[in-house]
N, C-alpha and C. Protein backbone atom coordinates (compact mmCIF):
# COMPACT_ATOMS: atom_id res chain seq x y z
N MET A 1 27.29 20.97 7.81
CA MET A 1 25.89 20.75 8.08
C MET A 1 25.77 20.03 9.42
N LEU A 2 25.07 20.61 10.35
CA LEU A 2 24.84 19.99 11.65
C LEU A 2 23.37 19.59 11.74
N VAL A 3 23.15 18.29 11.87
CA VAL A 3 21.81 17.72 11.91
C VAL A 3 21.64 17.05 13.27
N ILE A 4 20.53 17.33 13.93
CA ILE A 4 20.24 16.67 15.21
C ILE A 4 18.86 16.04 15.15
N ASP A 5 18.64 15.04 15.99
CA ASP A 5 17.28 14.56 16.22
C ASP A 5 17.07 14.58 17.73
N THR A 6 15.85 14.90 18.11
CA THR A 6 15.58 15.09 19.53
C THR A 6 14.14 14.72 19.87
N ASN A 7 13.97 14.16 21.06
CA ASN A 7 12.62 13.87 21.53
C ASN A 7 12.12 14.97 22.46
N THR A 8 12.79 16.11 22.42
CA THR A 8 12.42 17.27 23.23
C THR A 8 12.03 18.42 22.33
N SER A 9 10.97 19.10 22.66
CA SER A 9 10.56 20.26 21.89
C SER A 9 11.62 21.36 21.98
N TYR A 10 11.90 21.98 20.86
CA TYR A 10 12.80 23.13 20.83
C TYR A 10 12.03 24.41 20.56
N ARG A 11 10.74 24.40 20.91
CA ARG A 11 9.93 25.61 20.81
C ARG A 11 10.56 26.68 21.68
N GLY A 12 10.81 27.84 21.09
CA GLY A 12 11.45 28.92 21.83
C GLY A 12 12.96 28.94 21.70
N PHE A 13 13.53 27.94 21.04
CA PHE A 13 14.98 27.84 20.93
C PHE A 13 15.48 27.90 19.49
N GLY A 14 14.60 28.26 18.55
CA GLY A 14 15.00 28.32 17.14
C GLY A 14 16.23 29.20 16.91
N PRO A 15 16.25 30.44 17.41
CA PRO A 15 17.43 31.28 17.20
C PRO A 15 18.70 30.69 17.82
N TRP A 16 18.55 30.06 18.97
CA TRP A 16 19.72 29.45 19.62
C TRP A 16 20.25 28.29 18.79
N LEU A 17 19.36 27.40 18.31
CA LEU A 17 19.80 26.29 17.46
C LEU A 17 20.52 26.82 16.23
N LYS A 18 19.97 27.87 15.62
CA LYS A 18 20.59 28.47 14.45
C LYS A 18 21.99 28.97 14.80
N SER A 19 22.14 29.60 15.96
CA SER A 19 23.45 30.12 16.37
C SER A 19 24.46 29.00 16.61
N GLN A 20 23.97 27.78 16.87
CA GLN A 20 24.85 26.63 17.06
C GLN A 20 25.21 25.95 15.75
N GLY A 21 24.63 26.44 14.65
CA GLY A 21 24.93 25.87 13.34
C GLY A 21 24.03 24.73 12.91
N VAL A 22 22.95 24.49 13.66
CA VAL A 22 22.03 23.41 13.30
C VAL A 22 21.30 23.78 12.02
N THR A 23 21.27 22.86 11.06
CA THR A 23 20.61 23.10 9.78
C THR A 23 19.37 22.23 9.58
N ALA A 24 19.26 21.14 10.34
CA ALA A 24 18.10 20.26 10.23
C ALA A 24 17.85 19.60 11.58
N VAL A 25 16.56 19.41 11.88
CA VAL A 25 16.15 18.84 13.16
C VAL A 25 15.18 17.69 12.91
N GLY A 26 15.48 16.55 13.48
CA GLY A 26 14.57 15.41 13.43
C GLY A 26 13.66 15.43 14.63
N ARG A 27 12.36 15.27 14.38
CA ARG A 27 11.37 15.33 15.47
C ARG A 27 10.37 14.19 15.34
N TYR A 28 9.52 14.03 16.34
CA TYR A 28 8.65 12.87 16.46
C TYR A 28 7.18 13.18 16.21
N TYR A 29 6.56 12.19 15.54
CA TYR A 29 5.11 12.04 15.51
C TYR A 29 4.81 10.81 16.37
N GLY A 30 3.62 10.74 16.94
CA GLY A 30 3.23 9.57 17.70
C GLY A 30 1.83 9.72 18.26
N ALA A 31 1.30 8.64 18.81
CA ALA A 31 -0.03 8.66 19.41
C ALA A 31 0.03 9.18 20.84
N THR A 32 1.09 8.86 21.52
CA THR A 32 1.28 9.30 22.90
C THR A 32 2.69 9.85 23.01
N THR A 33 2.94 10.57 24.05
CA THR A 33 4.28 11.14 24.17
C THR A 33 5.31 10.10 24.54
N ASN A 34 4.95 9.07 25.31
CA ASN A 34 5.94 8.07 25.72
C ASN A 34 7.26 8.73 26.07
N SER A 35 7.22 9.76 26.88
CA SER A 35 8.36 10.56 27.30
C SER A 35 8.99 11.35 26.16
N LYS A 36 8.26 11.54 25.09
CA LYS A 36 8.74 12.38 23.99
C LYS A 36 7.80 13.56 23.85
N ASP A 37 8.36 14.71 23.56
CA ASP A 37 7.55 15.85 23.16
C ASP A 37 7.32 15.70 21.66
N LEU A 38 6.08 15.71 21.24
CA LEU A 38 5.77 15.53 19.83
C LEU A 38 5.82 16.87 19.11
N LEU A 39 6.22 16.84 17.86
CA LEU A 39 6.29 18.04 17.03
C LEU A 39 4.91 18.65 16.88
N ASP A 40 4.82 19.96 17.02
CA ASP A 40 3.56 20.66 16.78
C ASP A 40 3.81 21.79 15.79
N ALA A 41 2.74 22.41 15.36
CA ALA A 41 2.84 23.45 14.32
C ALA A 41 3.68 24.64 14.77
N GLN A 42 3.52 25.06 16.01
CA GLN A 42 4.28 26.22 16.49
C GLN A 42 5.79 25.96 16.41
N GLU A 43 6.22 24.79 16.85
CA GLU A 43 7.64 24.45 16.79
C GLU A 43 8.11 24.35 15.34
N ALA A 44 7.33 23.72 14.49
CA ALA A 44 7.71 23.57 13.08
C ALA A 44 7.89 24.94 12.42
N ILE A 45 6.96 25.84 12.67
CA ILE A 45 7.06 27.19 12.09
C ILE A 45 8.31 27.89 12.58
N GLU A 46 8.57 27.80 13.87
CA GLU A 46 9.75 28.47 14.44
C GLU A 46 11.04 27.91 13.85
N LEU A 47 11.15 26.59 13.75
CA LEU A 47 12.36 26.00 13.19
C LEU A 47 12.56 26.45 11.75
N CYS A 48 11.49 26.41 10.96
CA CYS A 48 11.59 26.83 9.56
C CYS A 48 11.94 28.31 9.42
N ARG A 49 11.35 29.14 10.25
CA ARG A 49 11.66 30.58 10.20
C ARG A 49 13.12 30.86 10.53
N ASN A 50 13.75 29.94 11.23
CA ASN A 50 15.16 30.09 11.58
C ASN A 50 16.07 29.31 10.62
N GLY A 51 15.51 28.95 9.47
CA GLY A 51 16.32 28.37 8.40
C GLY A 51 16.62 26.89 8.52
N MET A 52 15.91 26.18 9.40
CA MET A 52 16.18 24.76 9.58
C MET A 52 15.18 23.90 8.82
N GLN A 53 15.67 22.80 8.32
CA GLN A 53 14.80 21.79 7.74
C GLN A 53 14.36 20.86 8.86
N ILE A 54 13.24 20.18 8.64
CA ILE A 54 12.71 19.26 9.63
C ILE A 54 12.50 17.91 8.96
N PHE A 55 12.90 16.85 9.64
CA PHE A 55 12.53 15.51 9.20
C PHE A 55 11.82 14.84 10.37
N VAL A 56 10.86 13.97 10.06
CA VAL A 56 10.01 13.42 11.11
C VAL A 56 10.02 11.90 11.10
N VAL A 57 9.85 11.36 12.30
CA VAL A 57 9.74 9.91 12.46
C VAL A 57 8.53 9.63 13.35
N PHE A 58 7.72 8.67 12.92
CA PHE A 58 6.63 8.21 13.76
C PHE A 58 7.18 7.08 14.62
N GLU A 59 7.06 7.24 15.94
CA GLU A 59 7.52 6.19 16.85
C GLU A 59 6.67 6.23 18.11
N ASP A 60 6.02 5.11 18.38
CA ASP A 60 5.29 4.96 19.64
C ASP A 60 5.84 3.81 20.46
N ALA A 61 6.45 2.85 19.81
CA ALA A 61 6.95 1.68 20.52
C ALA A 61 8.13 1.09 19.77
N SER A 62 8.93 0.35 20.48
CA SER A 62 10.01 -0.40 19.85
C SER A 62 9.92 -1.84 20.36
N ARG A 63 10.70 -2.70 19.77
CA ARG A 63 10.66 -4.09 20.17
C ARG A 63 10.95 -4.22 21.64
N PRO A 64 10.25 -4.99 22.41
CA PRO A 64 9.27 -5.99 22.01
C PRO A 64 7.83 -5.47 22.00
N ASN A 65 7.64 -4.18 22.19
CA ASN A 65 6.29 -3.64 22.31
C ASN A 65 5.64 -3.21 21.00
N LEU A 66 6.39 -3.20 19.91
CA LEU A 66 5.83 -2.80 18.63
C LEU A 66 5.01 -3.95 18.06
N ASN A 67 3.75 -3.68 17.78
CA ASN A 67 2.82 -4.66 17.25
C ASN A 67 2.93 -4.64 15.72
N LEU A 68 3.64 -5.61 15.16
CA LEU A 68 3.92 -5.62 13.72
C LEU A 68 2.79 -6.29 12.95
N THR A 69 1.64 -5.60 12.89
CA THR A 69 0.51 -6.08 12.12
C THR A 69 0.09 -5.00 11.12
N ALA A 70 -0.64 -5.40 10.11
CA ALA A 70 -1.14 -4.43 9.13
C ALA A 70 -2.07 -3.43 9.81
N ASP A 71 -2.90 -3.91 10.75
CA ASP A 71 -3.81 -2.99 11.45
C ASP A 71 -3.04 -1.93 12.23
N GLN A 72 -1.95 -2.32 12.89
CA GLN A 72 -1.15 -1.34 13.62
C GLN A 72 -0.47 -0.37 12.67
N GLY A 73 0.02 -0.88 11.54
CA GLY A 73 0.62 0.00 10.53
C GLY A 73 -0.38 1.03 10.03
N THR A 74 -1.61 0.59 9.78
CA THR A 74 -2.67 1.50 9.34
C THR A 74 -2.96 2.54 10.41
N ALA A 75 -3.08 2.10 11.66
CA ALA A 75 -3.37 3.03 12.76
C ALA A 75 -2.25 4.05 12.93
N ASP A 76 -0.99 3.60 12.86
CA ASP A 76 0.14 4.51 13.00
C ASP A 76 0.19 5.51 11.85
N ALA A 77 -0.05 5.02 10.65
CA ALA A 77 -0.04 5.92 9.48
C ALA A 77 -1.17 6.94 9.56
N LYS A 78 -2.31 6.54 10.08
CA LYS A 78 -3.44 7.48 10.23
C LYS A 78 -3.05 8.63 11.16
N ILE A 79 -2.42 8.31 12.27
CA ILE A 79 -1.97 9.34 13.21
C ILE A 79 -0.92 10.22 12.56
N ALA A 80 0.03 9.60 11.85
CA ALA A 80 1.08 10.38 11.17
C ALA A 80 0.49 11.34 10.14
N LEU A 81 -0.51 10.89 9.40
CA LEU A 81 -1.16 11.76 8.41
C LEU A 81 -1.83 12.95 9.08
N LYS A 82 -2.49 12.70 10.21
CA LYS A 82 -3.13 13.81 10.92
C LYS A 82 -2.09 14.81 11.41
N MET A 83 -1.02 14.31 12.00
CA MET A 83 0.01 15.21 12.51
C MET A 83 0.69 15.97 11.37
N ALA A 84 0.94 15.30 10.25
CA ALA A 84 1.54 15.98 9.10
C ALA A 84 0.63 17.10 8.61
N GLY A 85 -0.67 16.83 8.57
CA GLY A 85 -1.62 17.87 8.19
C GLY A 85 -1.66 19.01 9.18
N ASP A 86 -1.59 18.67 10.47
CA ASP A 86 -1.64 19.70 11.52
C ASP A 86 -0.46 20.65 11.46
N ILE A 87 0.72 20.15 11.10
CA ILE A 87 1.89 21.04 11.07
C ILE A 87 2.13 21.62 9.68
N GLY A 88 1.39 21.15 8.68
CA GLY A 88 1.57 21.66 7.33
C GLY A 88 2.74 21.02 6.62
N GLN A 89 3.04 19.75 6.92
CA GLN A 89 4.14 19.07 6.23
C GLN A 89 3.80 18.97 4.75
N PRO A 90 4.74 19.38 3.88
CA PRO A 90 4.46 19.35 2.44
C PRO A 90 4.21 17.94 1.91
N PRO A 91 3.17 17.76 1.12
CA PRO A 91 2.93 16.46 0.49
C PRO A 91 4.15 16.05 -0.32
N GLY A 92 4.44 14.76 -0.31
CA GLY A 92 5.58 14.24 -1.05
C GLY A 92 6.87 14.20 -0.25
N SER A 93 6.92 14.96 0.86
CA SER A 93 8.11 14.89 1.71
C SER A 93 8.06 13.58 2.51
N ALA A 94 9.12 13.28 3.22
CA ALA A 94 9.24 11.97 3.87
C ALA A 94 8.69 11.95 5.29
N ILE A 95 8.07 10.83 5.61
CA ILE A 95 7.76 10.46 6.99
C ILE A 95 8.45 9.12 7.22
N TYR A 96 9.33 9.11 8.21
CA TYR A 96 9.98 7.85 8.61
C TYR A 96 9.09 7.16 9.64
N PHE A 97 9.07 5.84 9.60
CA PHE A 97 8.36 5.05 10.60
C PHE A 97 9.38 4.16 11.28
N SER A 98 9.35 4.17 12.60
CA SER A 98 10.31 3.40 13.37
C SER A 98 9.92 1.93 13.43
N VAL A 99 10.88 1.08 13.08
CA VAL A 99 10.79 -0.37 13.31
C VAL A 99 12.09 -0.69 14.06
N GLU A 100 12.12 -0.26 15.30
CA GLU A 100 13.35 -0.27 16.08
C GLU A 100 13.43 -1.52 16.93
N GLY A 101 14.51 -2.26 16.75
CA GLY A 101 14.75 -3.48 17.51
C GLY A 101 15.68 -4.38 16.73
N ASP A 102 16.08 -5.45 17.36
CA ASP A 102 17.00 -6.41 16.72
C ASP A 102 16.19 -7.49 16.01
N TYR A 103 15.82 -7.20 14.78
CA TYR A 103 15.01 -8.12 13.99
C TYR A 103 15.90 -8.95 13.07
N GLY A 104 15.37 -10.10 12.66
CA GLY A 104 16.09 -10.99 11.76
C GLY A 104 15.17 -11.59 10.72
N GLN A 105 15.70 -12.56 10.00
CA GLN A 105 14.98 -13.18 8.88
C GLN A 105 13.63 -13.72 9.31
N GLY A 106 13.52 -14.23 10.51
CA GLY A 106 12.26 -14.77 11.00
C GLY A 106 11.18 -13.73 11.24
N ASP A 107 11.56 -12.46 11.20
CA ASP A 107 10.61 -11.37 11.44
C ASP A 107 10.14 -10.68 10.16
N VAL A 108 10.66 -11.09 9.01
CA VAL A 108 10.37 -10.38 7.76
C VAL A 108 8.88 -10.31 7.46
N SER A 109 8.16 -11.40 7.61
CA SER A 109 6.72 -11.36 7.27
C SER A 109 5.97 -10.40 8.20
N ASP A 110 6.34 -10.36 9.47
CA ASP A 110 5.69 -9.42 10.39
C ASP A 110 6.01 -7.98 10.02
N ILE A 111 7.27 -7.71 9.69
CA ILE A 111 7.67 -6.36 9.27
C ILE A 111 6.92 -5.96 8.01
N GLU A 112 6.82 -6.87 7.06
CA GLU A 112 6.09 -6.60 5.81
C GLU A 112 4.61 -6.34 6.10
N ASN A 113 4.01 -7.09 7.02
CA ASN A 113 2.60 -6.86 7.38
C ASN A 113 2.41 -5.46 7.94
N TYR A 114 3.25 -5.08 8.87
CA TYR A 114 3.16 -3.74 9.47
C TYR A 114 3.32 -2.69 8.37
N TRP A 115 4.32 -2.90 7.52
CA TRP A 115 4.61 -1.91 6.48
C TRP A 115 3.48 -1.83 5.45
N SER A 116 2.80 -2.94 5.20
CA SER A 116 1.69 -2.92 4.23
C SER A 116 0.56 -2.02 4.72
N GLY A 117 0.31 -2.01 6.03
CA GLY A 117 -0.70 -1.11 6.59
C GLY A 117 -0.30 0.34 6.44
N ILE A 118 0.97 0.64 6.68
CA ILE A 118 1.48 2.00 6.51
C ILE A 118 1.33 2.44 5.05
N THR A 119 1.80 1.61 4.15
CA THR A 119 1.80 1.93 2.72
C THR A 119 0.38 2.18 2.21
N ALA A 120 -0.54 1.31 2.59
CA ALA A 120 -1.93 1.45 2.13
C ALA A 120 -2.55 2.75 2.63
N LYS A 121 -2.28 3.11 3.88
CA LYS A 121 -2.89 4.31 4.44
C LYS A 121 -2.24 5.59 3.91
N ILE A 122 -0.93 5.60 3.78
CA ILE A 122 -0.24 6.79 3.27
C ILE A 122 -0.58 7.00 1.80
N ALA A 123 -0.73 5.92 1.06
CA ALA A 123 -1.21 5.94 -0.33
C ALA A 123 -0.50 6.98 -1.20
N GLY A 124 0.81 7.08 -1.05
CA GLY A 124 1.59 7.96 -1.92
C GLY A 124 1.55 9.43 -1.56
N ARG A 125 0.84 9.80 -0.52
CA ARG A 125 0.77 11.23 -0.15
C ARG A 125 2.10 11.75 0.38
N TYR A 126 2.88 10.86 1.00
CA TYR A 126 4.20 11.19 1.52
C TYR A 126 5.16 10.09 1.11
N ALA A 127 6.43 10.42 0.99
CA ALA A 127 7.45 9.41 0.75
C ALA A 127 7.66 8.65 2.06
N LEU A 128 7.93 7.36 1.97
CA LEU A 128 8.11 6.56 3.17
C LEU A 128 9.58 6.32 3.46
N GLY A 129 9.91 6.46 4.73
CA GLY A 129 11.23 6.13 5.21
C GLY A 129 11.10 5.21 6.40
N VAL A 130 12.14 4.44 6.66
CA VAL A 130 12.15 3.57 7.82
C VAL A 130 13.34 3.94 8.70
N TYR A 131 13.12 3.88 10.01
CA TYR A 131 14.17 4.09 11.01
C TYR A 131 14.34 2.77 11.74
N GLY A 132 15.55 2.22 11.70
CA GLY A 132 15.78 0.96 12.40
C GLY A 132 17.17 0.42 12.17
N SER A 133 17.30 -0.86 12.41
CA SER A 133 18.59 -1.54 12.26
C SER A 133 18.95 -1.67 10.78
N GLY A 134 20.19 -2.03 10.54
CA GLY A 134 20.63 -2.27 9.16
C GLY A 134 19.80 -3.35 8.49
N PHE A 135 19.44 -4.39 9.23
CA PHE A 135 18.61 -5.46 8.65
C PHE A 135 17.26 -4.93 8.20
N VAL A 136 16.59 -4.19 9.07
CA VAL A 136 15.26 -3.66 8.74
C VAL A 136 15.36 -2.69 7.56
N CYS A 137 16.32 -1.77 7.61
CA CYS A 137 16.49 -0.80 6.52
C CYS A 137 16.75 -1.49 5.19
N SER A 138 17.70 -2.42 5.18
CA SER A 138 18.06 -3.08 3.91
C SER A 138 16.92 -3.96 3.40
N THR A 139 16.19 -4.60 4.32
CA THR A 139 15.07 -5.45 3.90
C THR A 139 13.99 -4.63 3.20
N LEU A 140 13.56 -3.53 3.82
CA LEU A 140 12.49 -2.73 3.22
C LEU A 140 12.96 -2.00 1.96
N LEU A 141 14.19 -1.53 1.96
CA LEU A 141 14.71 -0.84 0.77
C LEU A 141 14.84 -1.81 -0.40
N SER A 142 15.32 -3.01 -0.16
CA SER A 142 15.49 -3.98 -1.24
C SER A 142 14.16 -4.42 -1.84
N LYS A 143 13.09 -4.33 -1.05
CA LYS A 143 11.75 -4.69 -1.54
C LYS A 143 11.01 -3.47 -2.11
N HIS A 144 11.72 -2.34 -2.20
CA HIS A 144 11.15 -1.08 -2.70
C HIS A 144 9.92 -0.66 -1.91
N ALA A 145 9.91 -1.03 -0.63
CA ALA A 145 8.79 -0.68 0.25
C ALA A 145 8.95 0.72 0.84
N CYS A 146 10.16 1.25 0.79
CA CYS A 146 10.40 2.60 1.29
C CYS A 146 11.39 3.29 0.36
N LYS A 147 11.41 4.59 0.44
CA LYS A 147 12.32 5.37 -0.38
C LYS A 147 13.58 5.77 0.39
N TYR A 148 13.43 5.93 1.71
CA TYR A 148 14.53 6.42 2.54
C TYR A 148 14.78 5.50 3.72
N THR A 149 16.04 5.45 4.16
CA THR A 149 16.39 4.69 5.36
C THR A 149 17.20 5.55 6.30
N TRP A 150 16.95 5.32 7.58
CA TRP A 150 17.65 6.02 8.66
C TRP A 150 18.13 4.95 9.62
N VAL A 151 19.43 4.69 9.58
CA VAL A 151 19.99 3.63 10.41
C VAL A 151 20.28 4.18 11.81
N ALA A 152 19.83 3.44 12.80
CA ALA A 152 19.95 3.86 14.20
C ALA A 152 21.32 3.51 14.73
N ALA A 153 22.06 4.50 15.21
CA ALA A 153 23.40 4.27 15.74
C ALA A 153 23.37 3.46 17.02
N ALA A 154 22.29 3.58 17.77
CA ALA A 154 22.19 2.84 19.02
C ALA A 154 22.12 1.34 18.76
N SER A 155 21.98 0.97 17.48
CA SER A 155 21.76 -0.43 17.12
C SER A 155 22.99 -1.12 16.55
N THR A 156 24.18 -0.67 16.88
CA THR A 156 25.37 -1.26 16.26
C THR A 156 25.51 -2.75 16.53
N GLY A 157 24.92 -3.24 17.60
CA GLY A 157 24.95 -4.67 17.87
C GLY A 157 23.81 -5.43 17.22
N TRP A 158 22.91 -4.72 16.57
CA TRP A 158 21.75 -5.37 15.96
C TRP A 158 22.09 -5.91 14.58
N ASN A 159 21.31 -6.88 14.17
CA ASN A 159 21.50 -7.59 12.92
C ASN A 159 21.65 -6.65 11.72
N GLY A 160 22.77 -6.74 11.05
CA GLY A 160 22.99 -6.03 9.80
C GLY A 160 23.40 -4.58 9.90
N THR A 161 23.42 -4.01 11.09
CA THR A 161 23.65 -2.57 11.19
C THR A 161 25.05 -2.16 10.79
N CYS A 162 26.07 -2.82 11.30
CA CYS A 162 27.45 -2.40 10.99
C CYS A 162 27.73 -2.50 9.50
N ASN A 163 27.30 -3.57 8.86
CA ASN A 163 27.52 -3.71 7.41
C ASN A 163 26.73 -2.68 6.63
N TYR A 164 25.49 -2.43 7.04
CA TYR A 164 24.66 -1.46 6.33
C TYR A 164 25.20 -0.05 6.50
N PHE A 165 25.68 0.26 7.69
CA PHE A 165 26.18 1.59 7.98
C PHE A 165 27.46 1.89 7.22
N GLY A 166 28.38 0.96 7.21
CA GLY A 166 29.69 1.26 6.63
C GLY A 166 30.10 0.37 5.49
N GLY A 167 29.16 -0.24 4.82
CA GLY A 167 29.49 -1.12 3.71
C GLY A 167 30.20 -0.39 2.58
N LYS A 168 30.57 -1.14 1.55
CA LYS A 168 31.29 -0.55 0.42
C LYS A 168 30.53 0.62 -0.19
N THR A 169 29.23 0.48 -0.29
CA THR A 169 28.38 1.56 -0.78
C THR A 169 27.24 1.75 0.20
N PRO A 170 27.45 2.60 1.21
CA PRO A 170 26.36 2.80 2.18
C PRO A 170 25.08 3.24 1.48
N MET A 171 23.97 2.66 1.92
CA MET A 171 22.69 2.93 1.26
C MET A 171 21.76 3.76 2.11
N TRP A 172 22.20 4.15 3.29
CA TRP A 172 21.33 4.93 4.17
C TRP A 172 21.25 6.38 3.71
N HIS A 173 20.17 7.02 4.10
CA HIS A 173 19.97 8.43 3.81
C HIS A 173 20.24 9.28 5.04
N LEU A 174 19.93 8.73 6.20
CA LEU A 174 20.26 9.34 7.48
C LEU A 174 20.93 8.27 8.33
N ALA A 175 21.91 8.69 9.10
CA ALA A 175 22.56 7.75 10.02
C ALA A 175 22.86 8.48 11.32
N GLN A 176 22.41 7.90 12.40
CA GLN A 176 22.75 8.46 13.71
C GLN A 176 24.18 8.07 14.01
N VAL A 177 24.93 9.01 14.50
CA VAL A 177 26.30 8.71 14.91
C VAL A 177 26.54 9.31 16.29
N PRO A 178 27.40 8.67 17.08
CA PRO A 178 27.71 9.21 18.40
C PRO A 178 28.35 10.58 18.28
N PRO A 179 28.27 11.43 19.28
CA PRO A 179 27.73 11.12 20.60
C PRO A 179 26.20 11.21 20.62
N LEU A 180 25.60 10.28 21.31
CA LEU A 180 24.16 10.26 21.49
C LEU A 180 23.81 10.87 22.84
N ASP A 181 22.58 11.27 22.98
CA ASP A 181 22.06 11.78 24.25
C ASP A 181 22.87 12.95 24.81
N MET A 182 23.17 13.89 23.95
CA MET A 182 23.84 15.11 24.39
C MET A 182 22.87 16.00 25.13
N ASN A 183 23.33 16.72 26.10
CA ASN A 183 22.48 17.62 26.87
C ASN A 183 22.62 19.04 26.34
N TRP A 184 21.76 19.40 25.39
CA TRP A 184 21.79 20.75 24.82
C TRP A 184 20.92 21.64 25.64
């Protein structure tokens, strides 16, 4: 199984990805592109027609620019819901939300505030996943605030990531592993 995530649209490249053995593609939702091409319906249809699964992450900012408030969580979830509807994402499937950065115990209440806005707005329509460091993933999973975790490989120096990634019983559902930033 070859799984990739990319901030570049692969519209027009579905058959090529299939020929490379790609079985799942991670793509972005967001309010602005922030140098990312956001997933649209045409790309989603093409990837699915070529036998690939899609997983999505909402990401507009990372630390220190991520505003960890309930209002921001609500606003981000509202955009994610619209984009999920626009591409026809099946209800009950997962939407990951990025809480990317080196967070620690002193940030838990802010992370919980942000996540409370997401949870309230999504209201069970989609399963929630988090993308971030081992600390963020384990914190939200242990509080049953999310169903899925995606540990960021770029975060190996961040709090809790190495233990979460390779612990006795890894608890992640997705894990980025090198090589990163390949030029396909």
